[in-house]
Amino acid sequence: MPPKSRPARGASAATPPGATRAGATPPGAVPTGDTPADVAAGGPRARRSPGPQVRPRNGLDRFFSISARRSTVGREVRGGLTTFFTMAYIVVLNPIILSGPDVTGATLPFPAVAAVTALVAGALTVLMGVVGRYPFALATGLGINAIVAVFAATQLAWVEIMGLVLLEGLLITVLVLTGFRKAVFEAIPPQLKTAIAVGIGFFLTIIGLADAGVIRPGTPLISFGVNGQLAGWPLLVFVVGLLLTAVLVVRRVRGALLIGIVVSTLLAIVVEEIADVGVRVGEDNPRGWALQLPRWPDQVVSAPDLSIVGQFSLFGGFERIGVVAALLIVFSIMIADFFDTVGTITAVGAEGDLLDEDRNLPGAQPVLLVDSLAAAAGGAASVSSNTTYIESASGVADGARTGLASVVTGALFLLAMFFTPMVQIVPSEAAAPALVIVGALMISQIRALDWDDMSLVIPAFLTIALMPFTYSITNGIGAGVVSYVLLRSAVGRWRDVHPLMWVIAAAFVVYFALEPLQQLF
């Protein structure tokens, strides 16, 4: 078998307390070099060789392994805040995506979707922190909610599609409990796992640029700004925020990303107060804010509307469109959910230096279990499947290393149920610079890829390229897996392919052929 790809600096093995990893800095020695995440956090390396001096300070420290992962309570709180502000947009965006009528003409009430989106995100993120004990935050999955909205508009009622989402989450939970999901995670070769992390770095970058309006749908594919120019006050806010955050990062200022978001938001509020820019609505106001106005709301506190919780029909979809068609929908959502999480855990874990030498997350089973339950909870609460968010990388880049950061993020989401108007103050243009900077940090892992063997290079390239270009983590992973199995076999190295990789590749072939299969049935 060929030698395993060497992990990049900043993506190497995490060492359990009390043990010294081979090649690690001996206790008492001064470690050299900083991980990309530590550069963003403005502090020393988050992982140093553990020794007798690393002892829990109290029960909180012991429970979350804060000192063992060379973090502090302050860093975890700061990282949790950063993650929340980076992904809080979902409280507003999810109701927009799920606001259309279903095939029966019924609609989901906007205030209820916003409140329940925050409720499920908060509860499951806290659960991830307490049970998974890693700095991963969860919320309604972008992309998956768009798929759900399309099925609702064309084939199913809201209660029926949410029932299929719940069923998908329960099926993934079974896969976790049987150990299959963890086995799949570990079967993916290190080369592809590194490519996934790099691809997500580019994916985060394009999300940030799109959120800010730097790139927009155009002819033939995308255009630059407004008519080829960086025009409008919101773009100025983004540029100032990006440059400020970049300066803070390279100067190693603690909390660089959080500071960048807060300052950019304050600037946006001032700009909107003076210029009255307004929200971008199609081409009617191309220079407006992308999603929400950075304006102090008239009402700060509002009672949450939780009326849509439990509004689902588990098997109603089977009755409306038939068993085979319903199962294909469940399969498509499950594949997207399954591998989005694989990619996110790999990328965020690598950014935080939390992976082992085989690019696996130690103690991943509880993380995968909470993520699976989140998918089911999203369907049961009528807000679409919840999944681990790639924006968690922003909190990790700002210092988070443990589940305490997730508890902070989750608590803020729970508060957001009552302060939904306040959440809308932060425009996407103010949060986007953090995504671009995190993308820059994550692509540094590209140095760990093997560039000498084209049967490894092409799958890695397809993984990296398709994530941003198709706006889908799942598509990138699928292209990488299928091409890896094919090309390794083509050069006579089929024995190097883990047996589960053949199963995954076959599943992705079905996934990519889903449209003709749906037409057939």
Protein backbone atom coordinates (compact mmCIF):
# COMPACT_ATOMS: atom_id res chain seq x y z
CA MET A 1 0.00 0.00 0.00
CA PRO A 2 1.25 3.54 -0.66
CA PRO A 3 2.33 5.59 2.34
CA LYS A 4 -0.37 7.68 3.94
CA SER A 5 -0.41 11.38 3.20
CA ARG A 6 1.33 13.33 5.89
CA PRO A 7 -1.10 15.60 7.76
CA ALA A 8 -0.58 19.28 7.29
CA ARG A 9 0.64 21.41 10.14
CA GLY A 10 -2.49 22.47 11.95
CA ALA A 11 -4.26 19.22 11.03
CA SER A 12 -2.26 16.60 12.86
CA ALA A 13 -3.21 14.16 15.56
CA ALA A 14 -4.81 15.24 18.77
CA THR A 15 -3.24 13.54 21.77
CA PRO A 16 -5.26 12.32 24.74
CA PRO A 17 -4.41 13.74 28.15
CA GLY A 18 -1.46 12.12 29.83
CA ALA A 19 0.05 10.71 26.65
CA THR A 20 2.87 11.96 24.47
CA ARG A 21 2.39 11.51 20.75
CA ALA A 22 5.32 10.33 18.73
CA GLY A 23 7.13 13.32 17.31
CA ALA A 24 5.44 15.75 19.70
CA THR A 25 7.31 18.39 21.60
CA PRO A 26 8.65 16.88 24.86
CA PRO A 27 7.22 18.29 28.07
CA GLY A 28 8.97 21.47 29.02
CA ALA A 29 10.28 22.18 25.54
CA VAL A 30 9.17 25.20 23.56
CA PRO A 31 7.04 24.18 20.57
CA THR A 32 7.64 25.84 17.22
CA GLY A 33 5.13 27.05 14.64
CA ASP A 34 1.51 28.02 14.90
CA THR A 35 -1.51 26.38 13.34
CA PRO A 36 -3.60 28.53 11.00
CA ALA A 37 -6.37 28.48 13.58
CA ASP A 38 -4.02 29.77 16.27
CA VAL A 39 -2.89 32.59 14.00
CA ALA A 40 -6.53 33.65 13.66
CA ALA A 41 -7.08 33.30 17.39
CA GLY A 42 -4.06 35.47 18.04
CA GLY A 43 -2.65 33.06 20.59
CA PRO A 44 -0.07 30.29 20.92
CA ARG A 45 -0.54 26.80 19.58
CA ALA A 46 -3.73 25.20 20.86
CA ARG A 47 -2.06 21.79 20.92
CA ARG A 48 1.20 21.27 22.72
CA SER A 49 2.62 18.09 24.04
CA PRO A 50 0.55 17.20 27.13
CA GLY A 51 2.40 16.51 30.31
CA PRO A 52 1.99 16.59 34.07
CA GLN A 53 1.52 20.37 34.04
CA VAL A 54 -1.77 20.04 32.10
CA ARG A 55 -4.27 19.45 34.90
CA PRO A 56 -7.96 20.31 35.03
CA ARG A 57 -8.55 23.47 37.07
CA ASN A 58 -12.12 22.55 38.03
CA GLY A 59 -15.08 20.39 37.11
CA LEU A 60 -15.94 22.49 34.05
CA ASP A 61 -12.38 22.21 32.79
CA ARG A 62 -12.37 18.44 33.40
CA PHE A 63 -15.74 17.84 31.72
CA PHE A 64 -14.89 19.73 28.52
CA SER A 65 -11.13 18.93 28.53
CA ILE A 66 -10.40 22.63 28.16
CA SER A 67 -6.84 22.56 29.49
CA ALA A 68 -6.16 19.21 27.84
CA ARG A 69 -6.84 20.83 24.48
CA ARG A 70 -4.75 23.85 25.45
CA SER A 71 -7.67 26.23 25.51
CA THR A 72 -9.24 28.53 28.08
CA VAL A 73 -12.77 29.39 29.11
CA GLY A 74 -12.30 32.82 27.56
CA ARG A 75 -11.31 31.34 24.21
CA GLU A 76 -14.28 28.97 24.24
CA VAL A 77 -16.73 31.76 25.01
CA ARG A 78 -15.21 33.95 22.32
CA GLY A 79 -15.28 31.12 19.80
CA GLY A 80 -18.91 30.35 20.64
CA LEU A 81 -19.86 33.99 20.12
CA THR A 82 -18.05 34.09 16.77
CA THR A 83 -19.78 30.95 15.52
CA PHE A 84 -23.20 32.31 16.52
CA PHE A 85 -22.74 35.65 14.78
CA THR A 86 -21.39 33.91 11.68
CA MET A 87 -24.38 31.59 11.32
CA ALA A 88 -27.21 33.62 12.94
CA TYR A 89 -28.41 34.53 9.45
CA ILE A 90 -30.13 31.13 9.26
CA VAL A 91 -32.84 32.39 11.64
CA VAL A 92 -33.89 34.82 8.91
CA LEU A 93 -32.90 32.88 5.79
CA ASN A 94 -34.62 29.60 6.65
CA PRO A 95 -38.11 31.17 6.88
CA ILE A 96 -37.49 32.87 3.54
CA ILE A 97 -36.60 29.55 1.88
CA LEU A 98 -39.52 27.71 3.50
CA SER A 99 -42.07 30.49 3.00
CA GLY A 100 -43.56 29.31 -0.30
CA PRO A 101 -46.84 27.39 -0.67
CA ASP A 102 -46.85 23.61 -0.92
CA VAL A 103 -48.85 21.58 -3.46
CA THR A 104 -52.00 22.12 -1.40
CA GLY A 105 -51.45 25.89 -1.18
CA ALA A 106 -50.60 25.80 2.53
CA THR A 107 -47.71 27.90 3.86
CA LEU A 108 -45.56 27.87 6.96
CA PRO A 109 -45.88 31.03 9.11
CA PHE A 110 -42.70 33.12 8.88
CA PRO A 111 -42.47 34.04 12.61
CA ALA A 112 -42.96 30.41 13.65
CA VAL A 113 -40.26 29.11 11.28
CA ALA A 114 -37.83 31.78 12.56
CA ALA A 115 -38.51 30.98 16.23
CA VAL A 116 -38.41 27.18 15.81
CA THR A 117 -35.27 27.41 13.66
CA ALA A 118 -33.57 29.13 16.61
CA LEU A 119 -35.10 26.65 19.10
CA VAL A 120 -33.88 23.50 17.34
CA ALA A 121 -30.48 25.00 16.53
CA GLY A 122 -30.02 26.08 20.14
CA ALA A 123 -31.15 22.83 21.76
CA LEU A 124 -29.13 20.57 19.45
CA THR A 125 -26.01 22.74 19.58
CA VAL A 126 -26.08 22.64 23.38
CA LEU A 127 -26.55 18.86 23.16
CA MET A 128 -23.56 18.65 20.81
CA GLY A 129 -21.47 20.56 23.31
CA VAL A 130 -22.49 18.43 26.28
CA VAL A 131 -22.55 15.03 24.57
CA GLY A 132 -20.19 15.42 21.61
CA ARG A 133 -17.87 17.82 23.50
CA TYR A 134 -16.52 19.32 20.31
CA PRO A 135 -16.97 22.92 19.03
CA PHE A 136 -19.56 22.02 16.38
CA ALA A 137 -22.76 24.05 16.01
CA LEU A 138 -25.91 22.79 14.29
CA ALA A 139 -28.79 24.46 12.48
CA THR A 140 -31.09 23.91 9.53
CA GLY A 141 -28.91 22.75 6.64
CA LEU A 142 -28.67 25.14 3.72
CA GLY A 143 -29.12 23.24 0.50
CA ILE A 144 -31.14 20.58 2.24
CA ASN A 145 -33.84 23.13 3.10
CA ALA A 146 -33.86 24.22 -0.55
CA ILE A 147 -34.38 20.59 -1.62
CA VAL A 148 -37.21 20.30 0.91
CA ALA A 149 -38.81 23.51 -0.40
CA VAL A 150 -38.69 22.25 -3.99
CA PHE A 151 -40.34 18.94 -3.07
CA ALA A 152 -43.02 20.83 -1.13
CA ALA A 153 -43.74 23.13 -4.05
CA THR A 154 -43.93 20.35 -6.62
CA GLN A 155 -44.95 17.05 -5.00
CA LEU A 156 -45.80 17.08 -1.29
CA ALA A 157 -47.52 19.02 1.47
CA TRP A 158 -45.34 20.57 4.14
CA VAL A 159 -46.44 18.04 6.75
CA GLU A 160 -45.60 15.20 4.36
CA ILE A 161 -42.11 16.35 3.33
CA MET A 162 -41.28 17.08 6.98
CA GLY A 163 -42.36 13.54 7.80
CA LEU A 164 -39.88 12.22 5.22
CA VAL A 165 -37.16 14.42 6.74
CA LEU A 166 -37.94 12.93 10.15
CA LEU A 167 -37.78 9.44 8.67
CA GLU A 168 -34.43 10.24 7.06
CA GLY A 169 -33.06 11.42 10.40
CA LEU A 170 -34.25 8.25 12.13
CA LEU A 171 -32.59 6.10 9.44
CA ILE A 172 -29.28 7.93 9.85
CA THR A 173 -29.57 7.50 13.62
CA VAL A 174 -29.87 3.74 13.09
CA LEU A 175 -26.76 3.83 10.91
CA VAL A 176 -24.90 5.62 13.72
CA LEU A 177 -26.04 3.19 16.41
CA THR A 178 -24.93 0.22 14.27
CA GLY A 179 -21.52 1.85 13.77
CA PHE A 180 -21.97 2.10 10.00
CA ARG A 181 -21.74 5.88 9.80
CA LYS A 182 -18.50 5.97 11.78
CA ALA A 183 -17.12 3.14 9.63
CA VAL A 184 -17.87 5.14 6.48
CA PHE A 185 -16.17 8.19 7.99
CA GLU A 186 -13.03 6.16 8.69
CA ALA A 187 -13.09 4.35 5.31
CA ILE A 188 -12.50 7.57 3.36
CA PRO A 189 -8.74 7.77 2.61
CA PRO A 190 -6.61 10.60 4.05
CA GLN A 191 -6.03 12.10 0.59
CA LEU A 192 -9.75 12.64 0.10
CA LYS A 193 -10.23 13.90 3.65
CA THR A 194 -7.58 16.54 3.10
CA ALA A 195 -9.17 17.45 -0.23
CA ILE A 196 -12.54 17.77 1.53
CA ALA A 197 -11.06 20.26 4.02
CA VAL A 198 -9.44 22.28 1.23
CA GLY A 199 -12.59 22.18 -0.88
CA ILE A 200 -14.65 23.44 2.03
CA GLY A 201 -12.15 26.27 2.43
CA PHE A 202 -12.92 27.39 -1.12
CA PHE A 203 -16.63 26.70 -0.51
CA LEU A 204 -16.64 29.00 2.54
CA THR A 205 -14.87 31.65 0.50
CA ILE A 206 -17.43 31.60 -2.29
CA ILE A 207 -20.26 31.64 0.29
CA GLY A 208 -18.73 34.72 1.89
CA LEU A 209 -18.21 36.48 -1.45
CA ALA A 210 -21.76 35.63 -2.55
CA ASP A 211 -23.26 36.76 0.78
CA ALA A 212 -21.46 40.07 0.42
CA GLY A 213 -22.53 40.54 -3.21
CA VAL A 214 -18.96 40.54 -4.54
CA ILE A 215 -19.97 37.73 -6.89
CA ARG A 216 -23.51 37.36 -8.23
CA PRO A 217 -25.36 35.27 -10.79
CA GLY A 218 -24.54 36.64 -14.22
CA THR A 219 -23.58 35.81 -17.77
CA PRO A 220 -22.26 33.27 -18.50
CA LEU A 221 -21.85 32.07 -14.87
CA ILE A 222 -21.14 34.75 -12.29
CA SER A 223 -20.37 38.45 -12.41
CA PHE A 224 -18.20 40.72 -10.30
CA GLY A 225 -20.10 43.11 -8.04
CA VAL A 226 -22.61 45.43 -9.68
CA ASN A 227 -22.04 45.69 -13.44
CA GLY A 228 -18.43 44.63 -12.97
CA GLN A 229 -17.70 47.10 -10.18
CA LEU A 230 -17.63 47.00 -6.39
CA ALA A 231 -20.47 49.48 -6.09
CA GLY A 232 -22.76 50.29 -3.20
CA TRP A 233 -22.43 50.90 0.54
CA PRO A 234 -22.93 47.24 1.57
CA LEU A 235 -19.94 46.20 -0.54
CA LEU A 236 -17.89 48.94 1.09
CA VAL A 237 -18.81 47.55 4.51
CA PHE A 238 -17.68 44.09 3.38
CA VAL A 239 -14.37 45.36 2.00
CA VAL A 240 -13.62 47.37 5.13
CA GLY A 241 -14.56 44.39 7.30
CA LEU A 242 -12.40 42.02 5.23
CA LEU A 243 -9.34 44.26 5.36
CA LEU A 244 -9.80 44.96 9.08
CA THR A 245 -10.21 41.26 9.90
CA ALA A 246 -7.18 40.35 7.77
CA VAL A 247 -5.04 42.91 9.60
CA LEU A 248 -6.22 41.64 12.99
CA VAL A 249 -5.49 38.04 11.97
CA VAL A 250 -1.95 38.68 10.73
CA ARG A 251 -1.31 40.83 13.82
CA ARG A 252 -2.54 37.87 15.92
CA VAL A 253 -5.09 39.93 17.81
CA ARG A 254 -7.19 37.74 20.08
CA GLY A 255 -10.77 37.46 18.90
CA ALA A 256 -9.90 38.82 15.44
CA LEU A 257 -12.93 37.33 13.69
CA LEU A 258 -15.41 38.38 16.37
CA ILE A 259 -14.00 41.90 16.44
CA GLY A 260 -14.29 42.07 12.66
CA ILE A 261 -17.96 41.05 12.74
CA VAL A 262 -18.86 43.50 15.53
CA VAL A 263 -17.04 46.48 13.97
CA SER A 264 -18.48 45.72 10.52
CA THR A 265 -21.99 45.53 11.98
CA LEU A 266 -21.57 48.88 13.75
CA LEU A 267 -20.31 50.40 10.50
CA ALA A 268 -23.29 48.92 8.65
CA ILE A 269 -25.73 50.44 11.16
CA VAL A 270 -24.14 53.87 10.70
CA VAL A 271 -24.17 53.53 6.91
CA GLU A 272 -27.83 52.50 6.82
CA GLU A 273 -28.79 55.33 9.16
CA ILE A 274 -27.08 57.89 6.91
CA ALA A 275 -27.65 56.48 3.43
CA ASP A 276 -30.93 54.54 3.87
CA VAL A 277 -29.67 51.85 1.46
CA GLY A 278 -32.56 49.39 1.75
CA VAL A 279 -32.70 45.65 1.12
CA ARG A 280 -31.69 44.21 -2.25
CA VAL A 281 -34.76 42.90 -4.04
CA GLY A 282 -33.77 41.18 -7.29
CA GLU A 283 -32.56 43.84 -9.68
CA ASP A 284 -34.77 46.54 -8.17
CA ASN A 285 -32.06 47.55 -5.71
CA PRO A 286 -28.78 45.84 -6.72
CA ARG A 287 -26.78 48.04 -4.35
CA GLY A 288 -28.87 47.19 -1.28
CA TRP A 289 -28.19 44.88 1.64
CA ALA A 290 -28.42 41.23 0.66
CA LEU A 291 -30.80 39.93 3.33
CA GLN A 292 -31.62 42.14 6.31
CA LEU A 293 -31.35 45.81 7.23
CA PRO A 294 -28.68 46.68 9.82
CA ARG A 295 -31.12 48.90 11.66
CA TRP A 296 -32.06 48.97 15.33
CA PRO A 297 -35.49 47.28 15.51
CA ASP A 298 -38.62 48.95 16.88
CA GLN A 299 -39.32 45.81 18.93
CA VAL A 300 -36.42 44.10 20.70
CA VAL A 301 -38.22 41.23 22.41
CA SER A 302 -40.98 39.09 20.94
CA ALA A 303 -42.74 35.96 22.21
CA PRO A 304 -41.72 32.92 20.10
CA ASP A 305 -44.36 31.19 17.97
CA LEU A 306 -43.81 27.43 18.33
CA SER A 307 -47.07 26.35 16.69
CA ILE A 308 -45.42 24.32 13.89
CA VAL A 309 -43.59 21.94 16.24
CA GLY A 310 -44.91 18.42 15.72
CA GLN A 311 -46.74 19.25 12.49
CA PHE A 312 -45.61 16.31 10.35
CA SER A 313 -47.02 13.19 8.72
CA LEU A 314 -44.51 10.34 8.86
CA PHE A 315 -46.00 8.26 6.04
CA GLY A 316 -48.26 10.78 4.31
CA GLY A 317 -45.76 11.23 1.50
CA PHE A 318 -45.89 7.51 0.68
CA GLU A 319 -49.64 7.76 0.22
CA ARG A 320 -49.46 10.83 -2.01
CA ILE A 321 -46.63 9.94 -4.43
CA GLY A 322 -46.04 6.21 -3.88
CA VAL A 323 -43.50 4.15 -1.95
CA VAL A 324 -40.65 4.16 -4.49
CA ALA A 325 -40.82 7.90 -5.22
CA ALA A 326 -40.96 8.71 -1.50
CA LEU A 327 -38.00 6.43 -0.76
CA LEU A 328 -35.95 8.16 -3.48
CA ILE A 329 -36.65 11.50 -1.81
CA VAL A 330 -35.59 10.08 1.57
CA PHE A 331 -32.44 8.68 -0.06
CA SER A 332 -31.49 11.98 -1.70
CA ILE A 333 -31.91 13.94 1.54
CA MET A 334 -30.05 11.26 3.51
CA ILE A 335 -27.03 11.28 1.16
CA ALA A 336 -26.81 15.08 1.32
CA ASP A 337 -27.16 15.06 5.11
CA PHE A 338 -24.79 12.14 5.62
CA PHE A 339 -21.86 13.48 3.62
CA ASP A 340 -22.30 17.17 4.42
CA THR A 341 -21.59 16.17 8.00
CA VAL A 342 -18.58 14.03 7.03
CA GLY A 343 -17.11 16.98 5.17
CA THR A 344 -17.86 19.49 7.90
CA ILE A 345 -16.43 17.39 10.73
CA THR A 346 -13.30 16.69 8.70
CA ALA A 347 -12.75 20.32 7.77
CA VAL A 348 -13.55 21.89 11.14
CA GLY A 349 -11.64 19.18 13.00
CA ALA A 350 -8.59 19.78 10.82
CA GLU A 351 -8.82 23.53 11.34
CA GLY A 352 -8.82 23.01 15.11
CA ASP A 353 -6.03 20.41 15.04
CA LEU A 354 -8.49 17.86 16.46
CA LEU A 355 -7.98 14.99 13.99
CA ASP A 356 -5.72 12.00 14.45
CA GLU A 357 -2.97 10.95 12.04
CA ASP A 358 -5.49 9.16 9.79
CA ARG A 359 -7.59 12.35 9.59
CA ASN A 360 -10.32 10.86 11.80
CA LEU A 361 -12.01 12.63 14.70
CA PRO A 362 -11.30 10.83 18.00
CA GLY A 363 -14.53 9.97 19.81
CA ALA A 364 -16.66 10.77 16.77
CA GLN A 365 -19.58 8.46 17.66
CA PRO A 366 -21.38 10.90 20.03
CA VAL A 367 -20.88 13.71 17.50
CA LEU A 368 -22.43 11.66 14.72
CA LEU A 369 -25.29 10.57 16.98
CA VAL A 370 -26.23 14.15 17.92
CA ASP A 371 -26.00 15.20 14.28
CA SER A 372 -28.36 12.36 13.29
CA LEU A 373 -30.84 13.26 16.01
CA ALA A 374 -30.69 16.85 14.78
CA ALA A 375 -31.83 15.73 11.34
CA ALA A 376 -34.84 13.99 12.87
CA ALA A 377 -35.56 16.94 15.20
CA GLY A 378 -35.62 19.36 12.27
CA GLY A 379 -38.27 17.28 10.52
CA ALA A 380 -40.33 16.85 13.68
CA ALA A 381 -40.24 20.61 14.28
CA SER A 382 -41.10 21.47 10.62
CA VAL A 383 -37.94 23.49 9.93
CA SER A 384 -36.10 20.93 7.73
CA SER A 385 -33.11 18.75 8.60
CA ASN A 386 -30.58 20.21 11.02
CA THR A 387 -26.92 19.40 10.46
CA THR A 388 -23.43 20.34 11.66
CA TYR A 389 -22.55 23.76 10.28
CA ILE A 390 -19.38 24.53 8.39
CA GLU A 391 -19.51 28.03 9.91
CA SER A 392 -18.33 26.31 13.10
CA ALA A 393 -14.89 26.75 11.55
CA SER A 394 -15.09 30.48 12.28
CA GLY A 395 -15.37 29.82 16.03
CA VAL A 396 -12.58 27.25 15.86
CA ALA A 397 -10.41 29.73 13.99
CA ASP A 398 -11.09 32.19 16.81
CA GLY A 399 -9.86 29.77 19.47
CA ALA A 400 -12.66 27.28 20.24
CA ARG A 401 -11.53 23.69 20.85
CA THR A 402 -14.19 22.11 23.08
CA GLY A 403 -17.91 21.60 23.53
CA LEU A 404 -18.11 24.62 25.82
CA ALA A 405 -18.05 26.83 22.73
CA SER A 406 -21.07 24.91 21.39
CA VAL A 407 -22.92 25.43 24.66
CA VAL A 408 -22.33 29.19 24.30
CA THR A 409 -23.50 29.18 20.67
CA GLY A 410 -26.56 27.09 21.52
CA ALA A 411 -27.51 29.32 24.43
CA LEU A 412 -27.38 32.35 22.13
CA PHE A 413 -29.69 30.62 19.64
CA LEU A 414 -32.14 29.87 22.44
CA LEU A 415 -32.08 33.52 23.42
CA ALA A 416 -32.57 34.42 19.77
CA MET A 417 -36.06 32.88 19.97
CA PHE A 418 -37.05 35.86 22.09
CA PHE A 419 -34.78 38.40 20.38
CA THR A 420 -35.39 37.55 16.74
CA PRO A 421 -35.50 41.27 15.79
CA MET A 422 -32.05 41.76 17.34
CA VAL A 423 -30.57 38.84 15.39
CA GLN A 424 -31.56 40.61 12.18
CA ILE A 425 -29.24 43.53 12.93
CA VAL A 426 -26.12 41.69 11.69
CA PRO A 427 -26.14 41.86 7.85
CA SER A 428 -24.52 39.11 5.83
CA GLU A 429 -22.02 41.68 4.55
CA ALA A 430 -20.68 42.02 8.11
CA ALA A 431 -20.34 38.27 8.72
CA ALA A 432 -18.99 37.41 5.25
CA PRO A 433 -15.41 38.63 5.89
CA ALA A 434 -15.01 35.98 8.61
CA LEU A 435 -15.98 33.24 6.14
CA VAL A 436 -13.45 34.46 3.57
CA ILE A 437 -10.65 34.60 6.15
CA VAL A 438 -11.49 31.13 7.47
CA GLY A 439 -11.45 29.87 3.88
CA ALA A 440 -7.94 31.25 3.49
CA LEU A 441 -6.84 29.48 6.67
CA MET A 442 -8.33 26.15 5.63
CA ILE A 443 -6.83 25.92 2.15
CA SER A 444 -3.34 25.91 3.68
CA GLN A 445 -3.91 22.19 4.25
CA ILE A 446 -3.43 21.67 0.53
CA ARG A 447 0.27 21.09 1.23
CA ALA A 448 -0.60 17.65 2.66
CA LEU A 449 -1.93 16.33 -0.65
CA ASP A 450 0.02 13.83 -2.75
CA TRP A 451 0.68 15.54 -6.10
CA ASP A 452 2.78 12.78 -7.70
CA ASP A 453 0.08 10.18 -8.39
CA MET A 454 -2.63 11.27 -10.85
CA SER A 455 -4.99 8.58 -9.58
CA LEU A 456 -4.95 10.52 -6.31
CA VAL A 457 -4.62 14.01 -7.78
CA ILE A 458 -7.74 13.88 -9.99
CA PRO A 459 -10.13 12.72 -7.22
CA ALA A 460 -8.71 15.38 -4.91
CA PHE A 461 -9.07 18.04 -7.60
CA LEU A 462 -12.67 17.07 -8.37
CA THR A 463 -13.50 17.14 -4.66
CA ILE A 464 -12.00 20.60 -4.26
CA ALA A 465 -13.43 22.06 -7.48
CA LEU A 466 -17.01 20.81 -7.31
CA MET A 467 -17.74 22.02 -3.79
CA PRO A 468 -17.58 25.75 -4.60
CA PHE A 469 -18.61 25.46 -8.26
CA THR A 470 -21.76 23.43 -7.51
CA TYR A 471 -22.38 25.04 -4.11
CA SER A 472 -22.54 21.61 -2.49
CA ILE A 473 -20.25 19.70 -0.14
CA THR A 474 -22.04 16.48 -1.05
CA ASN A 475 -21.41 16.87 -4.79
CA GLY A 476 -17.70 17.40 -4.19
CA ILE A 477 -17.39 14.36 -1.94
CA GLY A 478 -19.40 12.24 -4.38
CA ALA A 479 -17.24 13.17 -7.36
CA GLY A 480 -14.10 12.49 -5.35
CA VAL A 481 -15.28 9.10 -4.06
CA VAL A 482 -16.49 7.79 -7.44
CA SER A 483 -13.38 8.93 -9.29
CA TYR A 484 -11.09 7.60 -6.53
CA VAL A 485 -12.56 4.10 -6.71
CA LEU A 486 -12.49 4.13 -10.52
CA LEU A 487 -8.97 5.50 -10.97
CA ARG A 488 -7.31 3.44 -8.24
CA SER A 489 -8.82 0.37 -9.86
CA ALA A 490 -7.73 1.54 -13.32
CA VAL A 491 -4.07 1.60 -12.22
CA GLY A 492 -4.31 -1.82 -10.58
CA ARG A 493 -4.46 -0.48 -7.00
CA TRP A 494 -7.99 -1.72 -6.29
CA ARG A 495 -6.74 -3.51 -3.18
CA ASP A 496 -5.99 -0.08 -1.69
CA VAL A 497 -9.69 0.79 -1.85
CA HIS A 498 -11.53 0.08 1.40
CA PRO A 499 -14.53 -2.25 0.80
CA LEU A 500 -16.91 0.40 2.14
CA MET A 501 -15.64 2.84 -0.47
CA TRP A 502 -17.21 0.62 -3.15
CA VAL A 503 -20.53 0.81 -1.31
CA ILE A 504 -20.25 4.60 -0.96
CA ALA A 505 -19.33 4.98 -4.63
CA ALA A 506 -22.36 2.90 -5.68
CA ALA A 507 -24.62 5.05 -3.46
CA PHE A 508 -23.27 8.20 -5.09
CA VAL A 509 -23.85 6.79 -8.57
CA VAL A 510 -27.51 6.37 -7.60
CA TYR A 511 -27.52 9.86 -6.06
CA PHE A 512 -26.19 11.49 -9.24
CA ALA A 513 -28.68 9.47 -11.34
CA LEU A 514 -31.60 10.38 -9.10
CA GLU A 515 -33.40 12.56 -11.66
CA PRO A 516 -33.78 9.86 -14.33
CA LEU A 517 -34.67 7.34 -11.62
CA GLN A 518 -37.45 9.61 -10.37
CA GLN A 519 -38.76 9.99 -13.89
CA LEU A 520 -38.66 6.21 -14.30
CA PHE A 521 -40.75 5.60 -11.19
